[in-house]
């Protein structure tokens, strides 16, 4: 399977057992763990929200499990940042999340169409430059 970019909604579901998508996220991780790419901006958003939801202990537990895999983190470039701002402007009426726009910019640059997310609204709306639409997983 080709590489898949991970959204914060997926990481939060994976790391927070009380999330309604936790079981689905765990199942998907078991099947696709080595194909998942985590943008650095997504990791920051996910860790922030996990700490808010589950506290420091839950955040450390999740981060320790994540580091054991080991994950492949992707850095944002200046070009990605500029593209993300352009996407925010293009879809300004929809008030897209900045991190989702960064994820889109990375997907375009890396020619990746698979996005692992539970945030269907934003990614279903975006029309990336490199494909007709994103393949939203799981």
N, C-alpha and C. Protein backbone atom coordinates (compact mmCIF):
# COMPACT_ATOMS: atom_id res chain seq x y z
N UNK A 1 0.85 -1.19 0.00
CA UNK A 1 0.00 0.00 0.00
C UNK A 1 0.89 1.25 0.00
N UNK A 2 0.50 2.28 -0.73
CA UNK A 2 1.29 3.51 -0.75
C UNK A 2 1.26 4.21 0.61
N UNK A 3 2.16 5.17 0.74
CA UNK A 3 2.22 5.94 1.98
C UNK A 3 0.90 6.65 2.25
N UNK A 4 0.61 6.81 3.54
CA UNK A 4 -0.61 7.45 4.00
C UNK A 4 -0.23 8.54 5.00
N UNK A 5 -0.72 9.75 4.78
CA UNK A 5 -0.50 10.83 5.74
C UNK A 5 -1.54 10.73 6.85
N UNK A 6 -1.10 11.02 8.05
CA UNK A 6 -1.94 10.90 9.23
C UNK A 6 -2.40 12.28 9.69
N UNK A 7 -3.67 12.37 10.01
CA UNK A 7 -4.26 13.59 10.56
C UNK A 7 -4.33 13.47 12.09
N UNK A 8 -4.42 14.61 12.76
CA UNK A 8 -4.48 14.61 14.23
C UNK A 8 -5.70 13.87 14.75
N UNK A 9 -6.82 13.93 14.05
CA UNK A 9 -8.03 13.24 14.53
C UNK A 9 -7.78 11.74 14.67
N UNK A 10 -6.97 11.18 13.78
CA UNK A 10 -6.63 9.76 13.86
C UNK A 10 -5.73 9.49 15.06
N UNK A 11 -4.69 10.31 15.25
CA UNK A 11 -3.78 10.10 16.38
C UNK A 11 -4.50 10.26 17.71
N UNK A 12 -5.40 11.22 17.78
CA UNK A 12 -6.17 11.42 19.02
C UNK A 12 -7.03 10.20 19.30
N UNK A 13 -7.70 9.71 18.27
CA UNK A 13 -8.53 8.51 18.43
C UNK A 13 -7.68 7.31 18.85
N UNK A 14 -6.51 7.20 18.29
CA UNK A 14 -5.61 6.10 18.61
C UNK A 14 -5.12 6.18 20.06
N UNK A 15 -4.83 7.39 20.50
CA UNK A 15 -4.25 7.57 21.83
C UNK A 15 -5.21 7.80 22.96
N UNK A 16 -6.48 8.01 22.65
CA UNK A 16 -7.46 8.32 23.70
C UNK A 16 -8.56 7.26 23.68
N UNK A 17 -8.48 6.28 24.58
CA UNK A 17 -9.42 5.16 24.57
C UNK A 17 -10.90 5.54 24.64
N UNK A 18 -11.21 6.71 25.15
CA UNK A 18 -12.62 7.11 25.23
C UNK A 18 -13.12 7.79 23.96
N UNK A 19 -12.25 7.97 22.98
CA UNK A 19 -12.66 8.55 21.70
C UNK A 19 -13.56 7.55 20.97
N UNK A 20 -14.61 8.04 20.34
CA UNK A 20 -15.58 7.16 19.67
C UNK A 20 -14.97 6.38 18.51
N UNK A 21 -13.82 6.81 18.00
CA UNK A 21 -13.16 6.13 16.89
C UNK A 21 -11.94 5.31 17.31
N UNK A 22 -11.77 5.12 18.62
CA UNK A 22 -10.57 4.45 19.13
C UNK A 22 -10.40 3.04 18.57
N UNK A 23 -11.43 2.23 18.58
CA UNK A 23 -11.33 0.85 18.12
C UNK A 23 -10.98 0.81 16.63
N UNK A 24 -11.60 1.66 15.85
CA UNK A 24 -11.31 1.72 14.41
C UNK A 24 -9.87 2.15 14.19
N UNK A 25 -9.40 3.14 14.94
CA UNK A 25 -8.03 3.62 14.80
C UNK A 25 -7.03 2.52 15.15
N UNK A 26 -7.28 1.79 16.23
CA UNK A 26 -6.37 0.71 16.63
C UNK A 26 -6.31 -0.38 15.56
N UNK A 27 -7.44 -0.73 15.02
CA UNK A 27 -7.50 -1.75 13.97
C UNK A 27 -6.74 -1.29 12.73
N UNK A 28 -6.92 -0.04 12.35
CA UNK A 28 -6.23 0.51 11.18
C UNK A 28 -4.73 0.55 11.42
N UNK A 29 -4.31 0.94 12.62
CA UNK A 29 -2.89 1.00 12.95
C UNK A 29 -2.25 -0.38 12.89
N UNK A 30 -2.96 -1.39 13.34
CA UNK A 30 -2.43 -2.74 13.31
C UNK A 30 -2.18 -3.22 11.88
N UNK A 31 -3.01 -2.77 10.97
CA UNK A 31 -2.91 -3.20 9.58
C UNK A 31 -1.97 -2.34 8.74
N UNK A 32 -1.88 -1.04 9.05
CA UNK A 32 -1.16 -0.10 8.19
C UNK A 32 -0.06 0.68 8.89
N UNK A 33 0.33 0.28 10.08
CA UNK A 33 1.27 1.05 10.87
C UNK A 33 2.53 1.49 10.16
N UNK A 34 3.11 0.63 9.32
CA UNK A 34 4.37 0.98 8.67
C UNK A 34 4.18 1.91 7.47
N UNK A 35 2.97 2.08 7.01
CA UNK A 35 2.69 2.95 5.87
C UNK A 35 2.32 4.37 6.29
N UNK A 36 2.23 4.62 7.59
CA UNK A 36 1.71 5.89 8.09
C UNK A 36 2.82 6.91 8.30
N UNK A 37 2.62 8.09 7.73
CA UNK A 37 3.56 9.19 7.84
C UNK A 37 2.93 10.29 8.68
N UNK A 38 3.66 10.77 9.67
CA UNK A 38 3.11 11.76 10.59
C UNK A 38 3.79 13.11 10.39
N UNK A 39 3.09 14.07 9.82
CA UNK A 39 3.66 15.42 9.70
C UNK A 39 3.90 16.02 11.09
N UNK A 40 5.00 16.75 11.22
CA UNK A 40 5.34 17.31 12.53
C UNK A 40 4.25 18.23 13.08
N UNK A 41 3.60 19.00 12.21
CA UNK A 41 2.53 19.89 12.69
C UNK A 41 1.33 19.10 13.20
N UNK A 42 1.09 17.94 12.60
CA UNK A 42 -0.01 17.07 13.05
C UNK A 42 0.32 16.49 14.42
N UNK A 43 1.56 16.07 14.59
CA UNK A 43 1.97 15.51 15.88
C UNK A 43 1.77 16.51 17.01
N UNK A 44 2.16 17.74 16.78
CA UNK A 44 2.01 18.79 17.80
C UNK A 44 0.53 18.99 18.15
N UNK A 45 -0.31 19.08 17.13
CA UNK A 45 -1.75 19.26 17.38
C UNK A 45 -2.33 18.07 18.15
N UNK A 46 -1.94 16.86 17.77
CA UNK A 46 -2.46 15.66 18.42
C UNK A 46 -2.00 15.57 19.87
N UNK A 47 -0.73 15.82 20.13
CA UNK A 47 -0.20 15.74 21.50
C UNK A 47 -0.87 16.79 22.38
N UNK A 48 -1.04 17.99 21.86
CA UNK A 48 -1.73 19.04 22.61
C UNK A 48 -3.13 18.58 23.02
N UNK A 49 -3.87 18.04 22.06
CA UNK A 49 -5.24 17.61 22.34
C UNK A 49 -5.29 16.37 23.24
N UNK A 50 -4.36 15.46 23.07
CA UNK A 50 -4.32 14.30 23.97
C UNK A 50 -4.05 14.73 25.41
N UNK A 51 -3.16 15.68 25.59
CA UNK A 51 -2.88 16.16 26.94
C UNK A 51 -4.11 16.86 27.52
N UNK A 52 -4.80 17.61 26.69
CA UNK A 52 -6.01 18.30 27.14
C UNK A 52 -7.09 17.29 27.55
N UNK A 53 -7.22 16.21 26.78
CA UNK A 53 -8.26 15.21 27.03
C UNK A 53 -7.89 14.22 28.13
N UNK A 54 -6.64 13.74 28.11
CA UNK A 54 -6.27 12.64 29.00
C UNK A 54 -5.20 12.94 30.02
N UNK A 55 -4.67 14.16 29.99
CA UNK A 55 -3.64 14.53 30.96
C UNK A 55 -2.25 14.11 30.52
N UNK A 56 -1.29 14.49 31.34
CA UNK A 56 0.11 14.24 31.03
C UNK A 56 0.43 12.75 30.99
N UNK A 57 -0.09 11.98 31.92
CA UNK A 57 0.20 10.55 31.96
C UNK A 57 -0.26 9.86 30.67
N UNK A 58 -1.46 10.20 30.19
CA UNK A 58 -1.97 9.61 28.96
C UNK A 58 -1.12 10.02 27.76
N UNK A 59 -0.68 11.26 27.77
CA UNK A 59 0.16 11.77 26.68
C UNK A 59 1.50 11.04 26.65
N UNK A 60 2.10 10.86 27.80
CA UNK A 60 3.39 10.16 27.88
C UNK A 60 3.22 8.70 27.46
N UNK A 61 2.16 8.06 27.91
CA UNK A 61 1.89 6.66 27.55
C UNK A 61 1.76 6.52 26.02
N UNK A 62 0.95 7.38 25.42
CA UNK A 62 0.76 7.34 23.97
C UNK A 62 2.06 7.63 23.23
N UNK A 63 2.78 8.65 23.65
CA UNK A 63 4.02 9.05 22.99
C UNK A 63 5.07 7.95 23.07
N UNK A 64 5.13 7.26 24.20
CA UNK A 64 6.06 6.16 24.37
C UNK A 64 5.73 5.01 23.41
N UNK A 65 4.45 4.68 23.29
CA UNK A 65 4.03 3.64 22.34
C UNK A 65 4.32 4.05 20.91
N UNK A 66 4.07 5.31 20.59
CA UNK A 66 4.31 5.82 19.24
C UNK A 66 5.80 5.75 18.90
N UNK A 67 6.64 6.15 19.82
CA UNK A 67 8.09 6.16 19.59
C UNK A 67 8.65 4.76 19.43
N UNK A 68 8.00 3.76 19.99
CA UNK A 68 8.48 2.39 19.91
C UNK A 68 8.30 1.79 18.52
N UNK A 69 7.51 2.40 17.64
CA UNK A 69 7.17 1.78 16.35
C UNK A 69 8.31 1.74 15.35
N UNK A 70 9.19 2.53 15.05
CA UNK A 70 9.24 3.97 15.22
C UNK A 70 8.50 4.67 14.07
N UNK A 71 7.88 5.79 14.35
CA UNK A 71 7.12 6.51 13.32
C UNK A 71 8.04 7.27 12.38
N UNK A 72 7.50 7.62 11.24
CA UNK A 72 8.23 8.46 10.30
C UNK A 72 7.59 9.85 10.36
N UNK A 73 8.33 10.80 10.92
CA UNK A 73 7.84 12.17 11.02
C UNK A 73 8.29 12.96 9.79
N UNK A 74 7.38 13.78 9.29
CA UNK A 74 7.66 14.61 8.12
C UNK A 74 7.70 16.08 8.50
N UNK A 75 8.78 16.76 8.15
CA UNK A 75 8.86 18.19 8.44
C UNK A 75 8.12 19.02 7.39
N UNK A 76 7.61 20.13 7.84
CA UNK A 76 6.97 21.10 6.97
C UNK A 76 8.06 22.00 6.38
N UNK A 77 7.99 22.26 5.09
CA UNK A 77 8.96 23.18 4.47
C UNK A 77 8.33 24.57 4.35
N UNK A 78 9.14 25.53 4.00
CA UNK A 78 8.62 26.89 3.77
C UNK A 78 7.62 26.87 2.62
N UNK A 79 7.91 26.10 1.58
CA UNK A 79 7.00 25.98 0.44
C UNK A 79 5.65 25.40 0.89
N UNK A 80 5.70 24.39 1.75
CA UNK A 80 4.46 23.81 2.29
C UNK A 80 3.68 24.86 3.09
N UNK A 81 4.41 25.62 3.89
CA UNK A 81 3.78 26.65 4.71
C UNK A 81 3.07 27.69 3.82
N UNK A 82 3.75 28.12 2.78
CA UNK A 82 3.16 29.10 1.85
C UNK A 82 1.93 28.51 1.16
N UNK A 83 2.02 27.26 0.76
CA UNK A 83 0.87 26.60 0.12
C UNK A 83 -0.29 26.47 1.11
N UNK A 84 0.01 26.15 2.36
CA UNK A 84 -1.04 26.03 3.37
C UNK A 84 -1.78 27.35 3.55
N UNK A 85 -1.05 28.44 3.57
CA UNK A 85 -1.68 29.76 3.69
C UNK A 85 -2.56 30.04 2.47
N UNK A 86 -2.07 29.66 1.28
CA UNK A 86 -2.87 29.85 0.06
C UNK A 86 -4.15 29.03 0.12
N UNK A 87 -4.07 27.82 0.65
CA UNK A 87 -5.27 26.98 0.80
C UNK A 87 -6.25 27.60 1.79
N UNK A 88 -5.73 28.13 2.89
CA UNK A 88 -6.62 28.79 3.86
C UNK A 88 -7.34 29.96 3.21
N UNK A 89 -6.63 30.70 2.38
CA UNK A 89 -7.23 31.83 1.69
C UNK A 89 -8.26 31.36 0.66
N UNK A 90 -7.91 30.34 -0.11
CA UNK A 90 -8.82 29.82 -1.14
C UNK A 90 -10.13 29.32 -0.53
N UNK A 91 -10.04 28.66 0.60
CA UNK A 91 -11.22 28.08 1.25
C UNK A 91 -11.63 28.89 2.49
N UNK A 92 -11.39 30.19 2.46
CA UNK A 92 -11.61 31.02 3.64
C UNK A 92 -13.05 30.95 4.18
N UNK A 93 -14.02 30.77 3.32
CA UNK A 93 -15.41 30.68 3.77
C UNK A 93 -15.67 29.41 4.60
N UNK A 94 -14.89 28.38 4.34
CA UNK A 94 -15.05 27.11 5.06
C UNK A 94 -14.27 27.09 6.37
N UNK A 95 -13.41 28.09 6.57
CA UNK A 95 -12.60 28.20 7.78
C UNK A 95 -11.83 26.90 8.05
N UNK A 96 -11.07 26.47 7.05
CA UNK A 96 -10.27 25.27 7.20
C UNK A 96 -9.21 25.44 8.28
N UNK A 97 -8.94 24.37 8.97
CA UNK A 97 -7.91 24.32 10.01
C UNK A 97 -6.53 24.46 9.35
N UNK A 98 -5.64 25.23 9.96
CA UNK A 98 -4.30 25.43 9.42
C UNK A 98 -3.55 24.12 9.26
N UNK A 99 -3.65 23.24 10.24
CA UNK A 99 -2.93 21.96 10.17
C UNK A 99 -3.45 21.11 9.01
N UNK A 100 -4.75 21.12 8.76
CA UNK A 100 -5.31 20.39 7.62
C UNK A 100 -4.76 20.96 6.30
N UNK A 101 -4.59 22.26 6.24
CA UNK A 101 -4.01 22.87 5.04
C UNK A 101 -2.54 22.49 4.88
N UNK A 102 -1.82 22.39 5.98
CA UNK A 102 -0.42 21.93 5.94
C UNK A 102 -0.36 20.48 5.46
N UNK A 103 -1.26 19.66 5.95
CA UNK A 103 -1.32 18.26 5.54
C UNK A 103 -1.59 18.16 4.03
N UNK A 104 -2.46 19.00 3.53
CA UNK A 104 -2.75 19.04 2.10
C UNK A 104 -1.51 19.44 1.30
N UNK A 105 -0.80 20.45 1.77
CA UNK A 105 0.41 20.90 1.09
C UNK A 105 1.46 19.79 1.05
N UNK A 106 1.63 19.08 2.15
CA UNK A 106 2.57 17.96 2.18
C UNK A 106 2.13 16.85 1.21
N UNK A 107 0.85 16.55 1.20
CA UNK A 107 0.33 15.51 0.30
C UNK A 107 0.60 15.88 -1.16
N UNK A 108 0.40 17.14 -1.49
CA UNK A 108 0.66 17.58 -2.86
C UNK A 108 2.14 17.44 -3.22
N UNK A 109 3.00 17.90 -2.32
CA UNK A 109 4.45 17.85 -2.59
C UNK A 109 4.96 16.42 -2.71
N UNK A 110 4.43 15.53 -1.89
CA UNK A 110 4.90 14.14 -1.85
C UNK A 110 4.09 13.21 -2.75
N UNK A 111 3.10 13.76 -3.44
CA UNK A 111 2.23 12.99 -4.34
C UNK A 111 1.55 11.84 -3.59
N UNK A 112 0.96 12.17 -2.46
CA UNK A 112 0.24 11.20 -1.63
C UNK A 112 -1.24 11.55 -1.66
N UNK A 113 -2.08 10.56 -1.89
CA UNK A 113 -3.53 10.82 -1.90
C UNK A 113 -4.25 10.23 -0.69
N UNK A 114 -3.61 9.33 0.04
CA UNK A 114 -4.25 8.71 1.19
C UNK A 114 -4.09 9.55 2.45
N UNK A 115 -5.21 9.91 3.06
CA UNK A 115 -5.21 10.66 4.31
C UNK A 115 -5.97 9.84 5.35
N UNK A 116 -5.30 9.52 6.44
CA UNK A 116 -5.94 8.80 7.53
C UNK A 116 -6.52 9.84 8.49
N UNK A 117 -7.85 9.95 8.48
CA UNK A 117 -8.51 11.00 9.25
C UNK A 117 -9.93 10.61 9.61
N UNK A 118 -10.41 11.17 10.69
CA UNK A 118 -11.83 11.06 11.03
C UNK A 118 -12.51 12.41 10.79
N UNK A 119 -11.75 13.36 10.26
CA UNK A 119 -12.24 14.70 9.92
C UNK A 119 -12.60 14.71 8.44
N UNK A 120 -13.71 14.14 8.12
CA UNK A 120 -14.12 13.98 6.72
C UNK A 120 -14.51 15.29 6.05
N UNK A 121 -15.12 16.20 6.78
CA UNK A 121 -15.65 17.43 6.19
C UNK A 121 -14.58 18.21 5.44
N UNK A 122 -13.49 18.54 6.13
CA UNK A 122 -12.47 19.39 5.52
C UNK A 122 -11.79 18.71 4.34
N UNK A 123 -11.37 17.46 4.52
CA UNK A 123 -10.62 16.80 3.46
C UNK A 123 -11.49 16.40 2.28
N UNK A 124 -12.77 16.23 2.48
CA UNK A 124 -13.68 15.95 1.36
C UNK A 124 -13.90 17.21 0.53
N UNK A 125 -13.76 18.35 1.15
CA UNK A 125 -13.99 19.63 0.48
C UNK A 125 -12.78 20.08 -0.36
N UNK A 126 -11.60 19.78 0.11
CA UNK A 126 -10.37 20.25 -0.53
C UNK A 126 -10.14 19.50 -1.85
N UNK A 127 -9.78 20.25 -2.87
CA UNK A 127 -9.41 19.68 -4.17
C UNK A 127 -7.90 19.89 -4.33
N UNK A 128 -7.11 18.86 -4.05
CA UNK A 128 -5.66 19.02 -4.14
C UNK A 128 -5.19 19.20 -5.59
N UNK A 129 -4.02 19.77 -5.75
CA UNK A 129 -3.46 20.02 -7.08
C UNK A 129 -3.04 18.74 -7.79
N UNK A 130 -2.70 17.72 -7.07
CA UNK A 130 -2.11 16.52 -7.66
C UNK A 130 -3.09 15.38 -7.88
N UNK A 131 -4.32 15.55 -7.49
CA UNK A 131 -5.32 14.48 -7.62
C UNK A 131 -6.71 15.11 -7.65
N UNK A 132 -7.67 14.33 -8.10
CA UNK A 132 -9.04 14.83 -8.13
C UNK A 132 -9.61 14.98 -6.73
N UNK A 133 -9.21 14.06 -5.84
CA UNK A 133 -9.69 14.07 -4.46
C UNK A 133 -8.73 13.25 -3.61
N UNK A 134 -8.91 13.32 -2.29
CA UNK A 134 -8.13 12.50 -1.36
C UNK A 134 -8.87 11.18 -1.10
N UNK A 135 -8.11 10.12 -0.89
CA UNK A 135 -8.67 8.84 -0.42
C UNK A 135 -8.67 8.93 1.09
N UNK A 136 -9.86 9.04 1.66
CA UNK A 136 -9.99 9.20 3.11
C UNK A 136 -10.13 7.84 3.77
N UNK A 137 -9.23 7.58 4.70
CA UNK A 137 -9.15 6.31 5.40
C UNK A 137 -9.28 6.55 6.90
N UNK A 138 -9.59 5.67 7.74
CA UNK A 138 -10.09 4.33 7.46
C UNK A 138 -11.55 4.36 7.04
